C-alpha atoms as a PDB file:
ATOM      1  CA  MET A   1     -42.468  34.726  56.499  1.00  0.00           C
ATOM      2  CA  THR A   2     -43.038  36.045  52.719  1.00  0.00           C
ATOM      3  CA  GLY A   3     -39.891  37.873  52.971  1.00  0.00           C
ATOM      4  CA  ARG A   4     -37.680  34.736  53.663  1.00  0.00           C
ATOM      5  CA  GLY A   5     -38.856  33.084  51.620  1.00  0.00           C
ATOM      6  CA  THR A   6     -39.104  35.781  48.457  1.00  0.00           C
ATOM      7  CA  GLY A   7     -35.046  36.238  49.865  1.00  0.00           C
ATOM      8  CA  SER A   8     -34.446  31.963  49.508  1.00  0.00           C
ATOM      9  CA  GLN A   9     -35.944  32.341  46.035  1.00  0.00           C
ATOM     10  CA  SER A  10     -33.704  35.082  45.035  1.00  0.00           C
ATOM     11  CA  SER A  11     -30.593  33.487  46.280  1.00  0.00           C
ATOM     12  CA  ASP A  12     -31.475  30.019  45.228  1.00  0.00           C
ATOM     13  CA  ALA A  13     -31.837  31.784  41.425  1.00  0.00           C
ATOM     14  CA  GLY A  14     -28.754  33.475  41.951  1.00  0.00           C
ATOM     15  CA  ARG A  15     -26.769  30.065  42.967  1.00  0.00           C
ATOM     16  CA  LEU A  16     -29.017  28.681  39.814  1.00  0.00           C
ATOM     17  CA  GLU A  17     -27.340  31.147  37.623  1.00  0.00           C
ATOM     18  CA  GLU A  18     -23.433  30.756  39.258  1.00  0.00           C
ATOM     19  CA  GLU A  19     -24.156  26.496  38.443  1.00  0.00           C
ATOM     20  CA  ILE A  20     -25.091  27.687  34.692  1.00  0.00           C
ATOM     21  CA  SER A  21     -22.458  29.918  34.308  1.00  0.00           C
ATOM     22  CA  ALA A  22     -20.137  27.750  35.695  1.00  0.00           C
ATOM     23  CA  LEU A  23     -21.573  24.640  33.398  1.00  0.00           C
ATOM     24  CA  LYS A  24     -21.521  26.802  30.367  1.00  0.00           C
ATOM     25  CA  SER A  25     -17.572  27.883  31.185  1.00  0.00           C
ATOM     26  CA  ASP A  26     -16.809  23.613  31.452  1.00  0.00           C
ATOM     27  CA  VAL A  27     -18.566  22.889  28.617  1.00  0.00           C
ATOM     28  CA  ALA A  28     -16.786  25.803  26.199  1.00  0.00           C
ATOM     29  CA  LYS A  29     -13.170  24.363  27.839  1.00  0.00           C
ATOM     30  CA  LEU A  30     -14.798  20.754  27.113  1.00  0.00           C
ATOM     31  CA  ARG A  31     -14.851  22.036  23.278  1.00  0.00           C
ATOM     32  CA  GLU A  32     -11.846  23.898  23.626  1.00  0.00           C
ATOM     33  CA  ASP A  33     -10.083  20.166  24.932  1.00  0.00           C
ATOM     34  CA  ILE A  34     -11.702  17.916  22.114  1.00  0.00           C
ATOM     35  CA  GLY A  35     -10.800  20.644  19.398  1.00  0.00           C
ATOM     36  CA  ALA A  36      -6.879  20.237  20.548  1.00  0.00           C
ATOM     37  CA  VAL A  37      -7.436  16.834  20.865  1.00  0.00           C
ATOM     38  CA  ALA A  38      -8.530  16.252  17.973  1.00  0.00           C
ATOM     39  CA  ASP A  39      -5.910  18.514  16.202  1.00  0.00           C
ATOM     40  CA  ALA A  40      -3.178  16.001  17.981  1.00  0.00           C
ATOM     41  CA  LEU A  41      -4.935  13.444  16.281  1.00  0.00           C
ATOM     42  CA  LYS A  42      -4.993  14.369  12.646  1.00  0.00           C
ATOM     43  CA  ASP A  43      -1.222  15.714  13.695  1.00  0.00           C
ATOM     44  CA  ILE A  44      -0.469  12.005  14.286  1.00  0.00           C
ATOM     45  CA  ALA A  45      -2.740  10.367  11.451  1.00  0.00           C
ATOM     46  CA  GLY A  46      -0.697  12.744   8.955  1.00  0.00           C
ATOM     47  CA  GLU A  47       2.865  11.216  10.582  1.00  0.00           C
ATOM     48  CA  PHE A  48       1.862   7.923  10.485  1.00  0.00           C
ATOM     49  CA  THR A  49       0.648   8.053   6.924  1.00  0.00           C
ATOM     50  CA  GLY A  50       3.933  10.137   5.703  1.00  0.00           C
ATOM     51  CA  SER A  51       6.095   7.335   7.414  1.00  0.00           C
ATOM     52  CA  ALA A  52       4.098   4.203   6.168  1.00  0.00           C
ATOM     53  CA  ARG A  53       4.743   5.755   2.424  1.00  0.00           C
ATOM     54  CA  GLY A  54       8.131   5.891   3.342  1.00  0.00           C
ATOM     55  CA  LYS A  55       8.748   2.611   4.201  1.00  0.00           C
ATOM     56  CA  VAL A  56       5.557   1.361   1.535  1.00  0.00           C
ATOM     57  CA  ASN A  57       8.253   3.816  -0.961  1.00  0.00           C
ATOM     58  CA  GLU A  58      11.412   2.161   0.233  1.00  0.00           C
ATOM     59  CA  ARG A  59       9.699  -1.490  -0.254  1.00  0.00           C
ATOM     60  CA  VAL A  60       9.361  -0.716  -3.716  1.00  0.00           C
ATOM     61  CA  ALA A  61      12.286   0.579  -4.433  1.00  0.00           C
ATOM     62  CA  GLN A  62      14.191  -2.688  -3.108  1.00  0.00           C
ATOM     63  CA  ALA A  63      11.633  -4.749  -5.002  1.00  0.00           C
ATOM     64  CA  ARG A  64      12.264  -2.873  -8.587  1.00  0.00           C
ATOM     65  CA  GLU A  65      16.194  -3.501  -7.807  1.00  0.00           C
ATOM     66  CA  LYS A  66      15.420  -6.807  -7.079  1.00  0.00           C
ATOM     67  CA  VAL A  67      13.703  -7.638 -10.217  1.00  0.00           C
ATOM     68  CA  GLY A  68      16.581  -5.542 -12.384  1.00  0.00           C
ATOM     69  CA  GLU A  69      18.842  -7.852 -10.977  1.00  0.00           C
ATOM     70  CA  GLN A  70      16.533 -10.787 -11.882  1.00  0.00           C
ATOM     71  CA  VAL A  71      16.326  -9.680 -15.410  1.00  0.00           C
ATOM     72  CA  GLU A  72      19.264  -9.118 -15.605  1.00  0.00           C
ATOM     73  CA  GLN A  73      20.532 -12.926 -14.539  1.00  0.00           C
ATOM     74  CA  ALA A  74      17.633 -14.124 -17.174  1.00  0.00           C
ATOM     75  CA  SER A  75      19.553 -11.663 -19.981  1.00  0.00           C
ATOM     76  CA  ALA A  76      23.119 -12.892 -19.168  1.00  0.00           C
ATOM     77  CA  ALA A  77      21.699 -16.618 -18.979  1.00  0.00           C
ATOM     78  CA  GLY A  78      19.513 -16.528 -22.317  1.00  0.00           C
ATOM     79  CA  LYS A  79      22.906 -14.629 -24.171  1.00  0.00           C
ATOM     80  CA  ALA A  80      25.034 -17.997 -22.404  1.00  0.00           C
ATOM     81  CA  ALA A  81      22.571 -20.309 -23.987  1.00  0.00           C
ATOM     82  CA  VAL A  82      22.125 -18.619 -27.552  1.00  0.00           C
ATOM     83  CA  GLY A  83      25.644 -18.508 -27.874  1.00  0.00           C
ATOM     84  CA  GLU A  84      26.192 -22.126 -26.417  1.00  0.00           C
ATOM     85  CA  LEU A  85      23.383 -23.296 -29.214  1.00  0.00           C
ATOM     86  CA  GLY A  86      25.681 -21.283 -31.605  1.00  0.00           C
ATOM     87  CA  GLU A  87      28.469 -23.219 -31.399  1.00  0.00           C
ATOM     88  CA  ARG A  88      26.731 -26.397 -30.805  1.00  0.00           C
ATOM     89  CA  VAL A  89      25.393 -25.974 -34.384  1.00  0.00           C
ATOM     90  CA  SER A  90      28.772 -24.501 -36.288  1.00  0.00           C
ATOM     91  CA  GLN A  91      30.570 -27.502 -34.486  1.00  0.00           C
ATOM     92  CA  ARG A  92      27.463 -30.251 -35.876  1.00  0.00           C
ATOM     93  CA  PRO A  93      25.574 -28.029 -38.871  1.00  0.00           C
ATOM     94  CA  ILE A  94      23.667 -31.290 -40.195  1.00  0.00           C
ATOM     95  CA  ALA A  95      23.534 -32.839 -37.539  1.00  0.00           C
ATOM     96  CA  SER A  96      21.415 -29.766 -36.088  1.00  0.00           C
ATOM     97  CA  LEU A  97      19.766 -28.968 -39.336  1.00  0.00           C
ATOM     98  CA  VAL A  98      18.097 -33.136 -39.035  1.00  0.00           C
ATOM     99  CA  THR A  99      17.052 -32.164 -35.704  1.00  0.00           C
ATOM    100  CA  ALA A 100      15.177 -28.813 -36.549  1.00  0.00           C
ATOM    101  CA  ALA A 101      13.504 -30.873 -39.136  1.00  0.00           C
ATOM    102  CA  THR A 102      12.353 -33.065 -37.196  1.00  0.00           C
ATOM    103  CA  VAL A 103      11.460 -30.914 -34.175  1.00  0.00           C
ATOM    104  CA  GLY A 104       9.172 -28.814 -37.320  1.00  0.00           C
ATOM    105  CA  PHE A 105       7.498 -31.841 -38.701  1.00  0.00           C
ATOM    106  CA  ILE A 106       6.454 -33.280 -34.927  1.00  0.00           C
ATOM    107  CA  LEU A 107       5.123 -29.711 -33.931  1.00  0.00           C
ATOM    108  CA  ALA A 108       3.620 -29.441 -37.423  1.00  0.00           C
ATOM    109  CA  LYS A 109       1.967 -33.302 -37.232  1.00  0.00           C
ATOM    110  CA  LEU A 110       0.896 -32.526 -33.528  1.00  0.00           C
ATOM    111  CA  LEU A 111      -1.025 -28.838 -34.811  1.00  0.00           C
ATOM    112  CA  ASP A 112      -2.362 -30.421 -37.747  1.00  0.00           C
ATOM    113  CA  LEU A 113      -3.932 -33.382 -35.646  1.00  0.00           C
ATOM    114  CA  GLY A 114      -5.843 -31.005 -33.506  1.00  0.00           C
ATOM    115  CA  GLY A 115      -7.080 -28.480 -36.178  1.00  0.00           C
ATOM    116  CA  ARG A 116      -8.785 -31.805 -37.991  1.00  0.00           C
ATOM    117  CA  ARG A 117     -10.617 -32.552 -34.663  1.00  0.00           C
END
């Protein structure tokens, strides 16, 4: 009986070593696969970041363009208002002078009252 037990044990040990070897091989393959997945995710994240950065840059450029247009419109409106005011002053210089003096006097009084408190 001892002969059978030794043969059986060596056979079991051989199978166990084969199983361990197969398991090690599977773990090594799994590591390679996980590394490949990590690399793929890194590439996808890089592409997404580049795409998002491009979209942000487009929106910034659009916003700058809109702001530039609004500044031009405001500047044109301001120039038109100054031109119109200049015309009114030249048409009625005395009335303009009296109005400016009155506004200045009222502002001076308001500022003076605030300082006394």
